[in-house]
Amino acid sequence: MIIRLFCAAGISTSILVKKMRDAARDTGREAEIMSYPVIELEKMADGADVILLGPQVGFHQKRAREYCEPKGIAVGVISSEDYGHGNGLNVLEYAFELKEKMQQG
């Protein structure tokens, strides 16, 4: 699964990306996880399965959904708690849940 995280500058999610990669490895899940600045959303979303927005850019959710959901890309906002604590496992599970919901229609 391809997961793209977006935040204000693409930097604040780097710790979370590492923790998500570790969680994927530890749970045996296949996931390619990268982070980008939210201004690059339309440029970098194509080809992803799930787009996750950091809570500080959650107000971009409507725009992200309008662009991504017609292409079958699930969109969600990471909870402030999981983001702040860097809970990579919770965020990874959230991404997989979003993808499953998108596939179910």
N, C-alpha and C. Protein backbone atom coordinates (compact mmCIF):
# COMPACT_ATOMS: atom_id res chain seq x y z
N MET A 1 0.84 -1.17 0.00
CA MET A 1 0.00 0.00 0.00
C MET A 1 0.89 1.24 0.00
N ILE A 2 0.45 2.24 -0.71
CA ILE A 2 1.20 3.50 -0.79
C ILE A 2 0.45 4.55 0.03
N ILE A 3 1.15 5.09 1.03
CA ILE A 3 0.58 6.08 1.93
C ILE A 3 1.40 7.36 1.81
N ARG A 4 0.72 8.47 1.59
CA ARG A 4 1.36 9.77 1.51
C ARG A 4 0.83 10.64 2.66
N LEU A 5 1.75 11.19 3.45
CA LEU A 5 1.39 12.11 4.52
C LEU A 5 1.71 13.52 4.07
N PHE A 6 0.83 14.45 4.42
CA PHE A 6 1.04 15.85 4.06
C PHE A 6 0.92 16.71 5.31
N CYS A 7 1.87 17.63 5.44
CA CYS A 7 1.84 18.58 6.55
C CYS A 7 2.22 19.95 6.00
N ALA A 8 2.45 20.89 6.88
CA ALA A 8 2.71 22.26 6.44
C ALA A 8 3.94 22.34 5.52
N ALA A 9 5.03 21.70 5.92
CA ALA A 9 6.25 21.78 5.12
C ALA A 9 6.81 20.43 4.71
N GLY A 10 6.19 19.36 5.15
CA GLY A 10 6.70 18.03 4.82
C GLY A 10 7.77 17.55 5.76
N ILE A 11 8.07 18.35 6.77
CA ILE A 11 9.15 18.01 7.70
C ILE A 11 8.61 17.44 9.01
N SER A 12 7.53 18.03 9.52
CA SER A 12 7.04 17.62 10.83
C SER A 12 6.53 16.19 10.84
N THR A 13 6.23 15.63 9.70
CA THR A 13 5.75 14.24 9.66
C THR A 13 6.89 13.23 9.54
N SER A 14 8.13 13.68 9.42
CA SER A 14 9.22 12.74 9.17
C SER A 14 9.40 11.73 10.30
N ILE A 15 9.23 12.14 11.55
CA ILE A 15 9.35 11.21 12.68
C ILE A 15 8.20 10.20 12.63
N LEU A 16 7.01 10.68 12.33
CA LEU A 16 5.85 9.79 12.24
C LEU A 16 6.02 8.80 11.10
N VAL A 17 6.55 9.24 9.98
CA VAL A 17 6.79 8.33 8.85
C VAL A 17 7.72 7.20 9.27
N LYS A 18 8.79 7.52 9.99
CA LYS A 18 9.71 6.48 10.45
C LYS A 18 9.00 5.50 11.37
N LYS A 19 8.20 6.02 12.29
CA LYS A 19 7.49 5.15 13.23
C LYS A 19 6.44 4.29 12.50
N MET A 20 5.82 4.84 11.47
CA MET A 20 4.87 4.06 10.68
C MET A 20 5.59 2.96 9.92
N ARG A 21 6.74 3.27 9.36
CA ARG A 21 7.52 2.25 8.64
C ARG A 21 7.93 1.13 9.60
N ASP A 22 8.36 1.51 10.81
CA ASP A 22 8.72 0.51 11.81
C ASP A 22 7.52 -0.37 12.16
N ALA A 23 6.35 0.27 12.33
CA ALA A 23 5.13 -0.48 12.66
C ALA A 23 4.75 -1.42 11.52
N ALA A 24 4.90 -0.98 10.29
CA ALA A 24 4.60 -1.83 9.14
C ALA A 24 5.53 -3.04 9.13
N ARG A 25 6.80 -2.79 9.35
CA ARG A 25 7.77 -3.90 9.39
C ARG A 25 7.42 -4.86 10.53
N ASP A 26 7.14 -4.32 11.71
CA ASP A 26 6.86 -5.16 12.88
C ASP A 26 5.59 -5.97 12.75
N THR A 27 4.62 -5.48 11.97
CA THR A 27 3.35 -6.18 11.81
C THR A 27 3.27 -6.96 10.51
N GLY A 28 4.34 -6.91 9.71
CA GLY A 28 4.38 -7.66 8.47
C GLY A 28 3.52 -7.08 7.36
N ARG A 29 3.24 -5.79 7.43
CA ARG A 29 2.43 -5.14 6.40
C ARG A 29 3.35 -4.47 5.38
N GLU A 30 2.93 -4.57 4.13
CA GLU A 30 3.66 -3.91 3.05
C GLU A 30 3.14 -2.48 2.92
N ALA A 31 4.02 -1.51 3.07
CA ALA A 31 3.60 -0.12 2.95
C ALA A 31 4.78 0.75 2.53
N GLU A 32 4.52 1.58 1.54
CA GLU A 32 5.47 2.62 1.14
C GLU A 32 4.91 3.91 1.72
N ILE A 33 5.69 4.56 2.58
CA ILE A 33 5.19 5.73 3.31
C ILE A 33 6.15 6.89 3.10
N MET A 34 5.62 8.01 2.62
CA MET A 34 6.42 9.21 2.38
C MET A 34 5.66 10.43 2.88
N SER A 35 6.39 11.54 3.10
CA SER A 35 5.73 12.78 3.51
C SER A 35 6.12 13.93 2.59
N TYR A 36 5.19 14.87 2.46
CA TYR A 36 5.36 16.01 1.56
C TYR A 36 4.68 17.24 2.16
N PRO A 37 5.03 18.42 1.67
CA PRO A 37 4.28 19.62 2.05
C PRO A 37 2.91 19.60 1.38
N VAL A 38 1.91 20.11 2.07
CA VAL A 38 0.53 20.06 1.57
C VAL A 38 0.36 20.82 0.26
N ILE A 39 1.23 21.77 -0.02
CA ILE A 39 1.11 22.50 -1.29
C ILE A 39 1.39 21.58 -2.49
N GLU A 40 2.00 20.42 -2.25
CA GLU A 40 2.30 19.47 -3.32
C GLU A 40 1.27 18.33 -3.41
N LEU A 41 0.14 18.49 -2.74
CA LEU A 41 -0.84 17.41 -2.66
C LEU A 41 -1.25 16.90 -4.03
N GLU A 42 -1.72 17.78 -4.89
CA GLU A 42 -2.19 17.33 -6.21
C GLU A 42 -1.05 16.72 -7.03
N LYS A 43 0.14 17.20 -6.85
CA LYS A 43 1.30 16.70 -7.60
C LYS A 43 1.72 15.31 -7.12
N MET A 44 1.62 15.07 -5.81
CA MET A 44 2.16 13.84 -5.25
C MET A 44 1.10 12.79 -4.88
N ALA A 45 -0.18 13.12 -4.97
CA ALA A 45 -1.23 12.19 -4.56
C ALA A 45 -1.42 11.04 -5.54
N ASP A 46 -1.29 11.31 -6.82
CA ASP A 46 -1.54 10.27 -7.82
C ASP A 46 -0.67 9.05 -7.56
N GLY A 47 -1.29 7.90 -7.63
CA GLY A 47 -0.58 6.65 -7.40
C GLY A 47 -0.64 6.17 -5.95
N ALA A 48 -1.11 7.04 -5.06
CA ALA A 48 -1.23 6.65 -3.65
C ALA A 48 -2.53 5.88 -3.44
N ASP A 49 -2.55 5.10 -2.37
CA ASP A 49 -3.77 4.43 -1.94
C ASP A 49 -4.49 5.26 -0.88
N VAL A 50 -3.68 5.92 -0.03
CA VAL A 50 -4.22 6.70 1.07
C VAL A 50 -3.43 7.99 1.22
N ILE A 51 -4.17 9.08 1.43
CA ILE A 51 -3.59 10.39 1.73
C ILE A 51 -3.96 10.72 3.17
N LEU A 52 -2.96 11.03 3.98
CA LEU A 52 -3.20 11.44 5.35
C LEU A 52 -2.70 12.86 5.54
N LEU A 53 -3.55 13.68 6.13
CA LEU A 53 -3.19 15.06 6.41
C LEU A 53 -2.84 15.19 7.88
N GLY A 54 -1.77 15.95 8.17
CA GLY A 54 -1.47 16.27 9.55
C GLY A 54 -2.58 17.13 10.11
N PRO A 55 -2.81 17.09 11.42
CA PRO A 55 -3.91 17.85 12.00
C PRO A 55 -3.80 19.36 11.75
N GLN A 56 -2.58 19.87 11.62
CA GLN A 56 -2.39 21.30 11.39
C GLN A 56 -2.80 21.74 9.99
N VAL A 57 -2.98 20.79 9.08
CA VAL A 57 -3.43 21.12 7.72
C VAL A 57 -4.75 20.40 7.40
N GLY A 58 -5.44 19.97 8.43
CA GLY A 58 -6.70 19.25 8.26
C GLY A 58 -7.76 20.05 7.52
N PHE A 59 -7.62 21.38 7.55
CA PHE A 59 -8.59 22.22 6.83
C PHE A 59 -8.49 22.04 5.32
N HIS A 60 -7.48 21.33 4.83
CA HIS A 60 -7.35 21.02 3.40
C HIS A 60 -8.09 19.73 3.03
N GLN A 61 -8.79 19.13 3.98
CA GLN A 61 -9.43 17.85 3.73
C GLN A 61 -10.45 17.90 2.59
N LYS A 62 -11.26 18.93 2.55
CA LYS A 62 -12.26 19.02 1.48
C LYS A 62 -11.58 19.04 0.11
N ARG A 63 -10.57 19.88 -0.04
CA ARG A 63 -9.83 19.96 -1.30
C ARG A 63 -9.20 18.61 -1.65
N ALA A 64 -8.61 17.97 -0.65
CA ALA A 64 -7.96 16.67 -0.88
C ALA A 64 -8.98 15.63 -1.32
N ARG A 65 -10.13 15.61 -0.67
CA ARG A 65 -11.16 14.63 -1.05
C ARG A 65 -11.67 14.88 -2.46
N GLU A 66 -11.89 16.13 -2.79
CA GLU A 66 -12.39 16.45 -4.14
C GLU A 66 -11.41 15.99 -5.21
N TYR A 67 -10.12 16.08 -4.92
CA TYR A 67 -9.11 15.66 -5.89
C TYR A 67 -8.90 14.14 -5.87
N CYS A 68 -8.84 13.57 -4.68
CA CYS A 68 -8.41 12.18 -4.54
C CYS A 68 -9.52 11.13 -4.64
N GLU A 69 -10.64 11.38 -4.01
CA GLU A 69 -11.64 10.32 -3.93
C GLU A 69 -12.18 9.88 -5.28
N PRO A 70 -12.36 10.78 -6.27
CA PRO A 70 -12.78 10.29 -7.59
C PRO A 70 -11.76 9.34 -8.22
N LYS A 71 -10.52 9.40 -7.77
CA LYS A 71 -9.46 8.52 -8.28
C LYS A 71 -9.31 7.26 -7.44
N GLY A 72 -10.18 7.10 -6.43
CA GLY A 72 -10.11 5.92 -5.58
C GLY A 72 -9.07 6.01 -4.48
N ILE A 73 -8.61 7.22 -4.18
CA ILE A 73 -7.61 7.44 -3.14
C ILE A 73 -8.34 7.88 -1.87
N ALA A 74 -8.15 7.15 -0.80
CA ALA A 74 -8.78 7.48 0.48
C ALA A 74 -8.06 8.67 1.12
N VAL A 75 -8.83 9.49 1.84
CA VAL A 75 -8.28 10.68 2.48
C VAL A 75 -8.73 10.72 3.94
N GLY A 76 -7.81 11.08 4.82
CA GLY A 76 -8.15 11.24 6.23
C GLY A 76 -7.22 12.23 6.90
N VAL A 77 -7.63 12.66 8.08
CA VAL A 77 -6.83 13.56 8.90
C VAL A 77 -6.34 12.77 10.11
N ILE A 78 -5.06 12.83 10.36
CA ILE A 78 -4.47 12.13 11.50
C ILE A 78 -4.94 12.80 12.79
N SER A 79 -5.30 12.00 13.77
CA SER A 79 -5.74 12.58 15.05
C SER A 79 -4.59 13.35 15.68
N SER A 80 -4.94 14.42 16.36
CA SER A 80 -3.93 15.25 17.03
C SER A 80 -3.15 14.43 18.06
N GLU A 81 -3.85 13.54 18.75
CA GLU A 81 -3.19 12.73 19.77
C GLU A 81 -2.16 11.80 19.16
N ASP A 82 -2.55 11.05 18.12
CA ASP A 82 -1.61 10.12 17.49
C ASP A 82 -0.46 10.88 16.83
N TYR A 83 -0.76 12.02 16.23
CA TYR A 83 0.27 12.83 15.59
C TYR A 83 1.25 13.34 16.64
N GLY A 84 0.72 13.91 17.71
CA GLY A 84 1.56 14.50 18.75
C GLY A 84 2.43 13.48 19.48
N HIS A 85 1.90 12.27 19.66
CA HIS A 85 2.65 11.23 20.34
C HIS A 85 3.47 10.37 19.38
N GLY A 86 3.33 10.64 18.09
CA GLY A 86 4.07 9.86 17.11
C GLY A 86 3.71 8.39 17.14
N ASN A 87 2.42 8.10 17.28
CA ASN A 87 1.96 6.72 17.37
C ASN A 87 1.84 6.13 15.96
N GLY A 88 2.94 5.62 15.48
CA GLY A 88 3.01 5.09 14.12
C GLY A 88 2.08 3.93 13.88
N LEU A 89 1.90 3.06 14.87
CA LEU A 89 1.02 1.91 14.70
C LEU A 89 -0.43 2.35 14.53
N ASN A 90 -0.89 3.27 15.37
CA ASN A 90 -2.27 3.74 15.24
C ASN A 90 -2.53 4.41 13.89
N VAL A 91 -1.58 5.21 13.45
CA VAL A 91 -1.75 5.92 12.18
C VAL A 91 -1.70 4.94 11.02
N LEU A 92 -0.84 3.96 11.10
CA LEU A 92 -0.77 2.92 10.06
C LEU A 92 -2.11 2.16 9.99
N GLU A 93 -2.64 1.78 11.14
CA GLU A 93 -3.91 1.07 11.16
C GLU A 93 -5.04 1.95 10.61
N TYR A 94 -5.00 3.23 10.93
CA TYR A 94 -5.98 4.17 10.41
C TYR A 94 -5.92 4.20 8.88
N ALA A 95 -4.73 4.24 8.33
CA ALA A 95 -4.56 4.26 6.87
C ALA A 95 -5.15 3.01 6.24
N PHE A 96 -4.90 1.84 6.83
CA PHE A 96 -5.44 0.60 6.30
C PHE A 96 -6.98 0.58 6.40
N GLU A 97 -7.52 1.14 7.49
CA GLU A 97 -8.97 1.22 7.64
C GLU A 97 -9.56 2.12 6.56
N LEU A 98 -8.93 3.25 6.30
CA LEU A 98 -9.43 4.16 5.27
C LEU A 98 -9.44 3.50 3.90
N LYS A 99 -8.38 2.76 3.60
CA LYS A 99 -8.32 2.08 2.30
C LYS A 99 -9.43 1.03 2.20
N GLU A 100 -9.65 0.30 3.26
CA GLU A 100 -10.69 -0.72 3.25
C GLU A 100 -12.08 -0.09 3.04
N LYS A 101 -12.34 1.02 3.73
CA LYS A 101 -13.62 1.71 3.56
C LYS A 101 -13.79 2.22 2.13
N MET A 102 -12.72 2.72 1.54
CA MET A 102 -12.78 3.22 0.16
C MET A 102 -13.10 2.08 -0.79
N GLN A 103 -12.52 0.93 -0.56
CA GLN A 103 -12.75 -0.22 -1.44
C GLN A 103 -14.17 -0.76 -1.30
N GLN A 104 -14.75 -0.61 -0.12
CA GLN A 104 -16.11 -1.08 0.11
C GLN A 104 -17.14 -0.13 -0.48
N GLY A 105 -16.69 1.07 -0.77
CA GLY A 105 -17.57 2.06 -1.39
C GLY A 105 -18.37 2.78 -0.39
